[in-house]
Structure formats: C-alpha cells, structure tokens
Amino acid sequence: MAVDLHLHTTHSDGSFAPKDLVDLVRHYNVDVMAVTDHDDISGVNEALERGKEVGVRVIPGIELSIEYPLQGRAHLHLLGLMLDIENPDLLARLHYLREARRARAKEIIERLQKMNIDVHYDELEQIVSGESIGRPHIAHLLVKKGVVTQVSEAFEKYLGRNAPAFVAKKKMTLAEAIDLVHKAKGLAILAHPISLFAKNFDELARYLDHFRELGLDGLEAYYSYHPAELTRFLLDYAKKNRMAVSGGSDFHGEAKPDIQPAIGTGNLHIPPEIVPALIEFRKEKYGE
C-alpha cells in the first residue's frame, strides 16, 4: 500500500487531468491519494469518480497560497485535507480567488503585449483545463507561441518575481486560510515546511509555534525535498504538540519532472498509517 496526499492536476498547474492522475498513481501502487490543486477544487469530483472505478481512495484537498512576511524565495502554503467541497464558505472564497487569478492573468498578458509579444487572453483560455489560471499556463502559452523554448525560460525572462511581466496574486492570511479550511471541516496542514527556508530548527520551531496558535492542525512531515533530519524534527514536533502528520510528493508532472507520485525524487516513503491517524484526528476535532 502506498499513500500520496499532495498531488496536482490540470485544474491548477499539473500535467494530468484528474482521472488520468488517478490512473497514474494506480500504476505506482497508490491506494490513497489527495488532489490538492492550487486555490481550486474543481478537479476533485472527477478524481473521486475515477477513484471509485479503479479502487483508489481519493481525499478532497486544496493547496492555498498564504500572504506572510518571508524573505527571498521563501513562501508559505497551506494544505486543506478531507474537505467538504460543497461548503458554501469555501466555494464563495474560491470563486473570489478564481476571478482574481483571471484578472491577474489579463494584466500579465497586457504587460507582455506592451513588450511586443504576440499573446492574447483568448489563447490562454484555450489551454486551461480547469477553472484556475496561473503563471504556468502563461509560460506554456509562451512556449507554444515560440517566444521561449522552455517553461523555466518563460519564468526567468518574463514571469518570475523579479521579471518585467510579474504580477503578484491575491492571497489569504494564514488565519483566514485556516478558518476557511475549518469551516469546510477539513484539516489545516502546513505544506512543505522546507519552503519557509528557516535558518535552523529553532527558527522553524518559532514559526510552527505561531502557526499552531492560529489553529494549524498538522504538518506535512514527509515530502519529496525534505532531508531526513527535517522529517525527524517535524515528526518530533508534531508528537510533542499533538498535531496531525501528513505526507505527499507534490507531484505536478512536467512542472517538476524529478518528482513522481508516492516516491518523490526516489527516496520518499510515506507511511500508510498516517491516513487512519488523520481520519481519527479529524473525527476527534469535529465529532464525526
């Protein structure tokens, strides 16, 4: 039995449609998976249906981008797992974020056009499979149009944080995101803590202490790029503070070609027992 609770589909910036992603993880002997698209749940139902057909348990999830004061490449993302995807508060907030992403994409296209790059918003819509539009879609359009040869080149020249066509996206605060996940009766899990770029474990602990005060439920201890010592630290912290533990590859497909479902870069092992532990944690939290 294999588990992967952090996977992306074409409904955000992944390469596989939801049903195809389910088929792919089945190839990797994954029995339990979570669809965690960026700020979007529109691919979850398709994955759920395919999962029932092929015997893969699909957990409804999401990955939310968080506004938080961090330096350089550091960033904060929150996973919501075991969500009620029909929750009206969740749906309303995601609708707002979706429209904000579309407005952002239009502004990026306008900036590219001012640089005499022949791209148009209707072309972008044709390559977007789901409801969420992001910079990777624009990067793929630039490759398709021959403006650049690779997605990485598109980010380096035009779309990256310090590039001329960069436009910041709307984000929630961590408190808002945790509250939203809780309204949908999900578990709020810190995604890939390594992305905080903490200088040492003491600094990381201070971050985690603050996040826990805001209501964070758990940590993604098992992750493709986590060194063993970081995983051990996170497991120890979670145990001491009675937090939930999750794990996932963060598989995207073409965007992260070195990562495969369940095994990450090749040495990731996510213990299957985290799934019943998460279910029990949620049951104790919500009485369900």
C-alpha atoms as a PDB file:
ATOM      1  CA  MET A   1       0.000   0.000   0.000  1.00  0.00           C
ATOM      2  CA  ALA A   2       1.268   3.460  -0.924  1.00  0.00           C
ATOM      3  CA  VAL A   3      -0.030   6.897   0.029  1.00  0.00           C
ATOM      4  CA  ASP A   4       0.361  10.359  -1.522  1.00  0.00           C
ATOM      5  CA  LEU A   5      -1.574  13.283  -0.065  1.00  0.00           C
ATOM      6  CA  HIS A   6      -0.189  16.110  -2.207  1.00  0.00           C
ATOM      7  CA  LEU A   7      -0.857  15.911  -5.952  1.00  0.00           C
ATOM      8  CA  HIS A   8      -1.767  18.454  -8.641  1.00  0.00           C
ATOM      9  CA  THR A   9      -3.896  18.150 -11.763  1.00  0.00           C
ATOM     10  CA  THR A  10      -4.520  20.255 -14.860  1.00  0.00           C
ATOM     11  CA  HIS A  11      -7.089  22.145 -12.790  1.00  0.00           C
ATOM     12  CA  SER A  12      -4.148  24.107 -11.418  1.00  0.00           C
ATOM     13  CA  ASP A  13      -0.584  23.645 -12.672  1.00  0.00           C
ATOM     14  CA  GLY A  14      -0.313  19.871 -13.079  1.00  0.00           C
ATOM     15  CA  SER A  15       0.121  17.954 -16.337  1.00  0.00           C
ATOM     16  CA  PHE A  16      -2.513  15.244 -15.805  1.00  0.00           C
ATOM     17  CA  ALA A  17      -6.291  15.553 -15.876  1.00  0.00           C
ATOM     18  CA  PRO A  18      -7.842  14.344 -12.596  1.00  0.00           C
ATOM     19  CA  LYS A  19      -8.959  10.955 -13.933  1.00  0.00           C
ATOM     20  CA  ASP A  20      -5.593  10.425 -15.639  1.00  0.00           C
ATOM     21  CA  LEU A  21      -3.801  11.308 -12.413  1.00  0.00           C
ATOM     22  CA  VAL A  22      -5.783   8.617 -10.598  1.00  0.00           C
ATOM     23  CA  ASP A  23      -4.753   6.101 -13.254  1.00  0.00           C
ATOM     24  CA  LEU A  24      -1.139   7.197 -12.937  1.00  0.00           C
ATOM     25  CA  VAL A  25      -0.978   6.825  -9.158  1.00  0.00           C
ATOM     26  CA  ARG A  26      -2.570   3.396  -9.511  1.00  0.00           C
ATOM     27  CA  HIS A  27       0.489   2.494 -11.599  1.00  0.00           C
ATOM     28  CA  TYR A  28       2.610   3.494  -8.615  1.00  0.00           C
ATOM     29  CA  ASN A  29       0.509   1.237  -6.340  1.00  0.00           C
ATOM     30  CA  VAL A  30      -1.012   4.213  -4.558  1.00  0.00           C
ATOM     31  CA  ASP A  31      -4.158   3.243  -2.663  1.00  0.00           C
ATOM     32  CA  VAL A  32      -4.911   6.613  -1.050  1.00  0.00           C
ATOM     33  CA  MET A  33      -4.299   9.974  -2.711  1.00  0.00           C
ATOM     34  CA  ALA A  34      -5.315  13.584  -2.237  1.00  0.00           C
ATOM     35  CA  VAL A  35      -5.993  16.071  -5.029  1.00  0.00           C
ATOM     36  CA  THR A  36      -4.558  19.373  -3.796  1.00  0.00           C
ATOM     37  CA  ASP A  37      -4.745  21.865  -6.636  1.00  0.00           C
ATOM     38  CA  HIS A  38      -3.733  25.459  -6.015  1.00  0.00           C
ATOM     39  CA  ASP A  39      -6.690  27.502  -4.730  1.00  0.00           C
ATOM     40  CA  ASP A  40      -9.056  25.190  -6.622  1.00  0.00           C
ATOM     41  CA  ILE A  41     -11.237  22.123  -6.013  1.00  0.00           C
ATOM     42  CA  SER A  42     -12.860  21.846  -9.447  1.00  0.00           C
ATOM     43  CA  GLY A  43     -10.964  18.653 -10.292  1.00  0.00           C
ATOM     44  CA  VAL A  44     -11.859  16.752  -7.139  1.00  0.00           C
ATOM     45  CA  ASN A  45     -15.167  15.216  -8.258  1.00  0.00           C
ATOM     46  CA  GLU A  46     -13.676  13.798 -11.454  1.00  0.00           C
ATOM     47  CA  ALA A  47     -10.894  12.207  -9.411  1.00  0.00           C
ATOM     48  CA  LEU A  48     -13.386  10.848  -6.876  1.00  0.00           C
ATOM     49  CA  GLU A  49     -15.421   9.181  -9.618  1.00  0.00           C
ATOM     50  CA  ARG A  50     -12.378   7.633 -11.268  1.00  0.00           C
ATOM     51  CA  GLY A  51     -11.052   6.527  -7.912  1.00  0.00           C
ATOM     52  CA  LYS A  52     -14.220   4.549  -7.244  1.00  0.00           C
ATOM     53  CA  GLU A  53     -13.870   2.861 -10.628  1.00  0.00           C
ATOM     54  CA  VAL A  54     -10.267   1.719 -10.163  1.00  0.00           C
ATOM     55  CA  GLY A  55     -10.107   1.213  -6.404  1.00  0.00           C
ATOM     56  CA  VAL A  56      -8.152   4.297  -5.323  1.00  0.00           C
ATOM     57  CA  ARG A  57      -9.380   6.285  -2.331  1.00  0.00           C
ATOM     58  CA  VAL A  58      -9.361   9.988  -3.213  1.00  0.00           C
ATOM     59  CA  ILE A  59      -9.246  12.552  -0.422  1.00  0.00           C
ATOM     60  CA  PRO A  60     -10.626  16.008  -1.311  1.00  0.00           C
ATOM     61  CA  GLY A  61      -7.983  18.647  -0.761  1.00  0.00           C
ATOM     62  CA  ILE A  62      -6.571  22.000  -1.756  1.00  0.00           C
ATOM     63  CA  GLU A  63      -3.344  23.988  -1.515  1.00  0.00           C
ATOM     64  CA  LEU A  64      -3.778  27.626  -0.556  1.00  0.00           C
ATOM     65  CA  SER A  65      -1.192  30.352  -1.108  1.00  0.00           C
ATOM     66  CA  ILE A  66      -0.645  32.461   2.006  1.00  0.00           C
ATOM     67  CA  GLU A  67       0.357  36.093   2.427  1.00  0.00           C
ATOM     68  CA  TYR A  68       3.135  36.039   5.024  1.00  0.00           C
ATOM     69  CA  PRO A  69       6.283  38.156   5.545  1.00  0.00           C
ATOM     70  CA  LEU A  70       9.112  35.928   4.341  1.00  0.00           C
ATOM     71  CA  GLN A  71      12.358  36.778   2.589  1.00  0.00           C
ATOM     72  CA  GLY A  72      13.635  35.814  -0.867  1.00  0.00           C
ATOM     73  CA  ARG A  73      12.319  32.533  -2.280  1.00  0.00           C
ATOM     74  CA  ALA A  74      10.664  31.540   0.994  1.00  0.00           C
ATOM     75  CA  HIS A  75       6.904  31.059   0.827  1.00  0.00           C
ATOM     76  CA  LEU A  76       4.042  29.674   2.876  1.00  0.00           C
ATOM     77  CA  HIS A  77       1.361  27.291   1.580  1.00  0.00           C
ATOM     78  CA  LEU A  78      -1.440  25.603   3.477  1.00  0.00           C
ATOM     79  CA  LEU A  79      -2.972  22.239   2.609  1.00  0.00           C
ATOM     80  CA  GLY A  80      -6.617  21.606   3.377  1.00  0.00           C
ATOM     81  CA  LEU A  81      -7.341  17.875   3.573  1.00  0.00           C
ATOM     82  CA  MET A  82     -10.591  15.920   3.950  1.00  0.00           C
ATOM     83  CA  LEU A  83     -12.656  18.939   2.950  1.00  0.00           C
ATOM     84  CA  ASP A  84     -16.387  19.228   2.476  1.00  0.00           C
ATOM     85  CA  ILE A  85     -16.148  20.513  -1.095  1.00  0.00           C
ATOM     86  CA  GLU A  86     -19.784  21.620  -1.046  1.00  0.00           C
ATOM     87  CA  ASN A  87     -19.226  24.040   1.833  1.00  0.00           C
ATOM     88  CA  PRO A  88     -20.655  27.440   0.772  1.00  0.00           C
ATOM     89  CA  ASP A  89     -17.954  29.490   2.521  1.00  0.00           C
ATOM     90  CA  LEU A  90     -15.240  27.517   0.742  1.00  0.00           C
ATOM     91  CA  LEU A  91     -16.967  27.816  -2.630  1.00  0.00           C
ATOM     92  CA  ALA A  92     -17.515  31.562  -2.250  1.00  0.00           C
ATOM     93  CA  ARG A  93     -13.908  32.254  -1.308  1.00  0.00           C
ATOM     94  CA  LEU A  94     -12.542  30.109  -4.123  1.00  0.00           C
ATOM     95  CA  HIS A  95     -14.801  31.914  -6.594  1.00  0.00           C
ATOM     96  CA  TYR A  96     -13.252  35.206  -5.455  1.00  0.00           C
ATOM     97  CA  LEU A  97      -9.705  33.816  -5.801  1.00  0.00           C
ATOM     98  CA  ARG A  98     -10.541  32.360  -9.221  1.00  0.00           C
ATOM     99  CA  GLU A  99     -11.757  35.719 -10.519  1.00  0.00           C
ATOM    100  CA  ALA A 100      -8.698  37.424  -9.029  1.00  0.00           C
ATOM    101  CA  ARG A 101      -6.470  34.942 -10.879  1.00  0.00           C
ATOM    102  CA  ARG A 102      -8.236  35.742 -14.157  1.00  0.00           C
ATOM    103  CA  ALA A 103      -7.764  39.460 -13.604  1.00  0.00           C
ATOM    104  CA  ARG A 104      -4.098  38.856 -12.809  1.00  0.00           C
ATOM    105  CA  ALA A 105      -3.628  36.749 -15.943  1.00  0.00           C
ATOM    106  CA  LYS A 106      -5.156  39.503 -18.080  1.00  0.00           C
ATOM    107  CA  GLU A 107      -2.772  42.042 -16.561  1.00  0.00           C
ATOM    108  CA  ILE A 108       0.218  39.775 -17.240  1.00  0.00           C
ATOM    109  CA  ILE A 109      -0.917  39.332 -20.866  1.00  0.00           C
ATOM    110  CA  GLU A 110      -1.248  43.106 -21.214  1.00  0.00           C
ATOM    111  CA  ARG A 111       2.291  43.589 -19.895  1.00  0.00           C
ATOM    112  CA  LEU A 112       3.615  41.027 -22.363  1.00  0.00           C
ATOM    113  CA  GLN A 113       1.773  42.752 -25.199  1.00  0.00           C
ATOM    114  CA  LYS A 114       3.396  46.058 -24.238  1.00  0.00           C
ATOM    115  CA  MET A 115       6.707  44.268 -24.714  1.00  0.00           C
ATOM    116  CA  ASN A 116       5.583  43.468 -28.297  1.00  0.00           C
ATOM    117  CA  ILE A 117       4.974  39.799 -27.507  1.00  0.00           C
ATOM    118  CA  ASP A 118       2.090  38.442 -29.579  1.00  0.00           C
ATOM    119  CA  VAL A 119      -0.070  36.681 -26.977  1.00  0.00           C
ATOM    120  CA  HIS A 120      -3.777  37.055 -26.251  1.00  0.00           C
ATOM    121  CA  TYR A 121      -6.030  36.144 -23.360  1.00  0.00           C
ATOM    122  CA  ASP A 122      -8.365  34.013 -25.504  1.00  0.00           C
ATOM    123  CA  GLU A 123      -5.351  31.885 -26.484  1.00  0.00           C
ATOM    124  CA  LEU A 124      -4.612  31.380 -22.816  1.00  0.00           C
ATOM    125  CA  GLU A 125      -8.162  30.230 -22.060  1.00  0.00           C
ATOM    126  CA  GLN A 126      -7.864  27.563 -24.741  1.00  0.00           C
ATOM    127  CA  ILE A 127      -5.011  25.803 -22.915  1.00  0.00           C
ATOM    128  CA  VAL A 128      -6.502  25.996 -19.413  1.00  0.00           C
ATOM    129  CA  SER A 129      -8.225  22.743 -18.470  1.00  0.00           C
ATOM    130  CA  GLY A 130      -9.711  23.789 -15.144  1.00  0.00           C
ATOM    131  CA  GLU A 131     -11.099  26.962 -13.675  1.00  0.00           C
ATOM    132  CA  SER A 132      -7.870  28.266 -12.166  1.00  0.00           C
ATOM    133  CA  ILE A 133      -5.438  30.238 -14.330  1.00  0.00           C
ATOM    134  CA  GLY A 134      -1.842  30.614 -13.179  1.00  0.00           C
ATOM    135  CA  ARG A 135       1.563  31.689 -14.427  1.00  0.00           C
ATOM    136  CA  PRO A 136       2.472  28.131 -15.569  1.00  0.00           C
ATOM    137  CA  HIS A 137      -0.369  28.336 -18.099  1.00  0.00           C
ATOM    138  CA  ILE A 138       1.036  31.595 -19.452  1.00  0.00           C
ATOM    139  CA  ALA A 139       4.501  30.039 -19.555  1.00  0.00           C
ATOM    140  CA  HIS A 140       3.158  27.126 -21.620  1.00  0.00           C
ATOM    141  CA  LEU A 141       1.498  29.600 -23.971  1.00  0.00           C
ATOM    142  CA  LEU A 142       4.824  31.388 -24.457  1.00  0.00           C
ATOM    143  CA  VAL A 143       6.453  28.056 -25.300  1.00  0.00           C
ATOM    144  CA  LYS A 144       3.640  27.176 -27.691  1.00  0.00           C
ATOM    145  CA  LYS A 145       3.997  30.517 -29.460  1.00  0.00           C
ATOM    146  CA  GLY A 146       7.763  30.103 -29.766  1.00  0.00           C
ATOM    147  CA  VAL A 147       8.572  33.102 -27.585  1.00  0.00           C
ATOM    148  CA  VAL A 148      10.685  30.854 -25.342  1.00  0.00           C
ATOM    149  CA  THR A 149      11.816  27.251 -25.628  1.00  0.00           C
ATOM    150  CA  GLN A 150      11.110  26.115 -22.045  1.00  0.00           C
ATOM    151  CA  VAL A 151       8.769  26.948 -19.189  1.00  0.00           C
ATOM    152  CA  SER A 152      11.753  27.784 -16.987  1.00  0.00           C
ATOM    153  CA  GLU A 153      12.906  30.337 -19.560  1.00  0.00           C
ATOM    154  CA  ALA A 154       9.464  31.968 -19.509  1.00  0.00           C
ATOM    155  CA  PHE A 155       9.692  32.444 -15.758  1.00  0.00           C
ATOM    156  CA  GLU A 156      13.276  33.666 -15.903  1.00  0.00           C
ATOM    157  CA  LYS A 157      12.659  36.235 -18.650  1.00  0.00           C
ATOM    158  CA  TYR A 158       9.060  37.314 -18.126  1.00  0.00           C
ATOM    159  CA  LEU A 159       7.031  35.783 -15.298  1.00  0.00           C
ATOM    160  CA  GLY A 160       9.284  35.331 -12.264  1.00  0.00           C
ATOM    161  CA  ARG A 161       9.100  37.513  -9.198  1.00  0.00           C
ATOM    162  CA  ASN A 162      11.730  39.975 -10.480  1.00  0.00           C
ATOM    163  CA  ALA A 163      10.767  39.719 -14.154  1.00  0.00           C
ATOM    164  CA  PRO A 164       9.032  42.519 -16.142  1.00  0.00           C
ATOM    165  CA  ALA A 165       5.620  40.852 -16.539  1.00  0.00           C
ATOM    166  CA  PHE A 166       5.303  39.664 -12.947  1.00  0.00           C
ATOM    167  CA  VAL A 167       2.040  40.483 -11.158  1.00  0.00           C
ATOM    168  CA  ALA A 168       1.511  39.393  -7.561  1.00  0.00           C
ATOM    169  CA  LYS A 169      -1.543  37.250  -6.894  1.00  0.00           C
ATOM    170  CA  LYS A 170      -4.215  37.692  -4.272  1.00  0.00           C
ATOM    171  CA  LYS A 171      -3.541  35.635  -1.160  1.00  0.00           C
ATOM    172  CA  MET A 172      -5.213  34.997   2.166  1.00  0.00           C
ATOM    173  CA  THR A 173      -3.611  35.453   5.542  1.00  0.00           C
ATOM    174  CA  LEU A 174      -2.793  32.238   7.357  1.00  0.00           C
ATOM    175  CA  ALA A 175      -5.539  32.886   9.913  1.00  0.00           C
ATOM    176  CA  GLU A 176      -8.097  33.361   7.119  1.00  0.00           C
ATOM    177  CA  ALA A 177      -6.991  30.216   5.310  1.00  0.00           C
ATOM    178  CA  ILE A 178      -7.051  28.065   8.449  1.00  0.00           C
ATOM    179  CA  ASP A 179     -10.511  29.384   9.296  1.00  0.00           C
ATOM    180  CA  LEU A 180     -11.723  28.600   5.769  1.00  0.00           C
ATOM    181  CA  VAL A 181     -10.423  25.022   5.943  1.00  0.00           C
ATOM    182  CA  HIS A 182     -12.075  24.577   9.333  1.00  0.00           C
ATOM    183  CA  LYS A 183     -15.394  25.912   8.039  1.00  0.00           C
ATOM    184  CA  ALA A 184     -15.217  23.150   5.418  1.00  0.00           C
ATOM    185  CA  LYS A 185     -14.480  20.673   8.244  1.00  0.00           C
ATOM    186  CA  GLY A 186     -11.033  19.920   6.881  1.00  0.00           C
ATOM    187  CA  LEU A 187      -7.605  19.656   8.448  1.00  0.00           C
ATOM    188  CA  ALA A 188      -5.260  22.621   8.034  1.00  0.00           C
ATOM    189  CA  ILE A 189      -1.792  21.221   7.280  1.00  0.00           C
ATOM    190  CA  LEU A 190       1.393  23.224   6.735  1.00  0.00           C
ATOM    191  CA  ALA A 191       2.632  22.310   3.257  1.00  0.00           C
ATOM    192  CA  HIS A 192       6.340  21.547   2.701  1.00  0.00           C
ATOM    193  CA  PRO A 193       7.809  23.329   5.750  1.00  0.00           C
ATOM    194  CA  ILE A 194      11.174  23.368   3.970  1.00  0.00           C
ATOM    195  CA  SER A 195       9.802  26.224   1.824  1.00  0.00           C
ATOM    196  CA  LEU A 196       9.976  28.538   4.840  1.00  0.00           C
ATOM    197  CA  PHE A 197      13.773  28.446   4.473  1.00  0.00           C
ATOM    198  CA  ALA A 198      14.245  28.656   8.240  1.00  0.00           C
ATOM    199  CA  LYS A 199      17.886  29.206   9.201  1.00  0.00           C
ATOM    200  CA  ASN A 200      17.801  26.451  11.800  1.00  0.00           C
ATOM    201  CA  PHE A 201      15.392  24.260  13.760  1.00  0.00           C
ATOM    202  CA  ASP A 202      14.978  26.882  16.488  1.00  0.00           C
ATOM    203  CA  GLU A 203      13.712  29.407  13.954  1.00  0.00           C
ATOM    204  CA  LEU A 204      11.473  26.775  12.370  1.00  0.00           C
ATOM    205  CA  ALA A 205      10.032  25.937  15.793  1.00  0.00           C
ATOM    206  CA  ARG A 206       9.189  29.594  16.328  1.00  0.00           C
ATOM    207  CA  TYR A 207       7.307  29.656  13.029  1.00  0.00           C
ATOM    208  CA  LEU A 208       5.443  26.474  13.954  1.00  0.00           C
ATOM    209  CA  ASP A 209       4.580  27.785  17.425  1.00  0.00           C
ATOM    210  CA  HIS A 210       2.992  30.860  15.842  1.00  0.00           C
ATOM    211  CA  PHE A 211       1.115  28.843  13.214  1.00  0.00           C
ATOM    212  CA  ARG A 212      -0.187  26.499  15.907  1.00  0.00           C
ATOM    213  CA  GLU A 213      -1.514  29.481  17.874  1.00  0.00           C
ATOM    214  CA  LEU A 214      -3.518  30.437  14.765  1.00  0.00           C
ATOM    215  CA  GLY A 215      -5.129  26.992  14.679  1.00  0.00           C
ATOM    216  CA  LEU A 216      -2.841  24.910  12.439  1.00  0.00           C
ATOM    217  CA  ASP A 217      -3.742  21.219  12.753  1.00  0.00           C
ATOM    218  CA  GLY A 218      -0.727  19.473  11.336  1.00  0.00           C
ATOM    219  CA  LEU A 219       2.490  19.295   9.361  1.00  0.00           C
ATOM    220  CA  GLU A 220       3.485  17.778   6.037  1.00  0.00           C
ATOM    221  CA  ALA A 221       6.449  15.947   7.538  1.00  0.00           C
ATOM    222  CA  TYR A 222       7.005  13.557   4.638  1.00  0.00           C
ATOM    223  CA  TYR A 223       7.872  15.481   1.476  1.00  0.00           C
ATOM    224  CA  SER A 224       9.945  14.956  -1.659  1.00  0.00           C
ATOM    225  CA  TYR A 225      12.617  17.530  -0.800  1.00  0.00           C
ATOM    226  CA  HIS A 226      12.772  17.066   2.962  1.00  0.00           C
ATOM    227  CA  PRO A 227      16.097  15.764   4.263  1.00  0.00           C
ATOM    228  CA  ALA A 228      15.794  13.008   6.862  1.00  0.00           C
ATOM    229  CA  GLU A 229      16.762  15.288   9.764  1.00  0.00           C
ATOM    230  CA  LEU A 230      13.978  17.739   8.900  1.00  0.00           C
ATOM    231  CA  THR A 231      11.403  14.946   8.724  1.00  0.00           C
ATOM    232  CA  ARG A 232      12.542  13.680  12.137  1.00  0.00           C
ATOM    233  CA  PHE A 233      12.295  17.189  13.606  1.00  0.00           C
ATOM    234  CA  LEU A 234       8.772  17.669  12.242  1.00  0.00           C
ATOM    235  CA  LEU A 235       7.601  14.278  13.490  1.00  0.00           C
ATOM    236  CA  ASP A 236       9.013  15.036  16.936  1.00  0.00           C
ATOM    237  CA  TYR A 237       7.416  18.492  16.995  1.00  0.00           C
ATOM    238  CA  ALA A 238       4.048  17.088  15.916  1.00  0.00           C
ATOM    239  CA  LYS A 239       4.164  14.391  18.573  1.00  0.00           C
ATOM    240  CA  LYS A 240       5.080  16.824  21.356  1.00  0.00           C
ATOM    241  CA  ASN A 241       2.322  19.225  20.356  1.00  0.00           C
ATOM    242  CA  ARG A 242      -0.352  16.649  19.476  1.00  0.00           C
ATOM    243  CA  MET A 243      -0.541  17.697  15.843  1.00  0.00           C
ATOM    244  CA  ALA A 244      -1.541  15.708  12.773  1.00  0.00           C
ATOM    245  CA  VAL A 245       1.097  14.407  10.357  1.00  0.00           C
ATOM    246  CA  SER A 246       0.714  14.241   6.586  1.00  0.00           C
ATOM    247  CA  GLY A 247       2.913  13.492   3.615  1.00  0.00           C
ATOM    248  CA  GLY A 248       2.952  13.942  -0.133  1.00  0.00           C
ATOM    249  CA  SER A 249       5.145  14.114  -3.188  1.00  0.00           C
ATOM    250  CA  ASP A 250       3.867  17.451  -4.564  1.00  0.00           C
ATOM    251  CA  PHE A 251       3.658  15.790  -7.969  1.00  0.00           C
ATOM    252  CA  HIS A 252       2.904  18.148 -10.866  1.00  0.00           C
ATOM    253  CA  GLY A 253       4.220  16.316 -13.906  1.00  0.00           C
ATOM    254  CA  GLU A 254       6.094  18.496 -16.397  1.00  0.00           C
ATOM    255  CA  ALA A 255       6.499  21.387 -13.952  1.00  0.00           C
ATOM    256  CA  LYS A 256       8.509  19.182 -11.569  1.00  0.00           C
ATOM    257  CA  PRO A 257       9.836  16.353 -13.728  1.00  0.00           C
ATOM    258  CA  ASP A 258      12.107  14.972 -10.999  1.00  0.00           C
ATOM    259  CA  ILE A 259       9.125  14.123  -8.768  1.00  0.00           C
ATOM    260  CA  GLN A 260       6.984  11.016  -9.188  1.00  0.00           C
ATOM    261  CA  PRO A 261       3.849  10.047  -7.226  1.00  0.00           C
ATOM    262  CA  ALA A 262       4.446   8.418  -3.824  1.00  0.00           C
ATOM    263  CA  ILE A 263       8.228   8.156  -4.237  1.00  0.00           C
ATOM    264  CA  GLY A 264       9.092  11.806  -4.875  1.00  0.00           C
ATOM    265  CA  THR A 265      12.653  12.010  -6.184  1.00  0.00           C
ATOM    266  CA  GLY A 266      13.080   8.300  -5.478  1.00  0.00           C
ATOM    267  CA  ASN A 267      13.607   8.010  -1.739  1.00  0.00           C
ATOM    268  CA  LEU A 268      10.306   9.278  -0.352  1.00  0.00           C
ATOM    269  CA  HIS A 269       8.337   6.855   1.804  1.00  0.00           C
ATOM    270  CA  ILE A 270       5.037   7.991   3.284  1.00  0.00           C
ATOM    271  CA  PRO A 271       3.863   5.551   5.975  1.00  0.00           C
ATOM    272  CA  PRO A 272       0.339   4.326   5.150  1.00  0.00           C
ATOM    273  CA  GLU A 273      -0.631   4.598   8.814  1.00  0.00           C
ATOM    274  CA  ILE A 274      -0.789   8.383   8.533  1.00  0.00           C
ATOM    275  CA  VAL A 275      -4.159   8.025   6.782  1.00  0.00           C
ATOM    276  CA  PRO A 276      -6.113   6.364   9.641  1.00  0.00           C
ATOM    277  CA  ALA A 277      -4.334   8.736  12.041  1.00  0.00           C
ATOM    278  CA  LEU A 278      -5.564  11.741  10.035  1.00  0.00           C
ATOM    279  CA  ILE A 279      -9.079  10.304   9.922  1.00  0.00           C
ATOM    280  CA  GLU A 280      -9.050   9.840  13.693  1.00  0.00           C
ATOM    281  CA  PHE A 281      -7.667  13.350  14.219  1.00  0.00           C
ATOM    282  CA  ARG A 282     -10.484  14.812  12.133  1.00  0.00           C
ATOM    283  CA  LYS A 283     -13.076  12.673  13.951  1.00  0.00           C
ATOM    284  CA  GLU A 284     -11.864  13.973  17.324  1.00  0.00           C
ATOM    285  CA  LYS A 285     -11.817  17.550  16.048  1.00  0.00           C
ATOM    286  CA  TYR A 286     -15.296  17.614  14.537  1.00  0.00           C
ATOM    287  CA  GLY A 287     -17.017  14.737  16.305  1.00  0.00           C
ATOM    288  CA  GLU A 288     -17.737  12.921  13.055  1.00  0.00           C
END
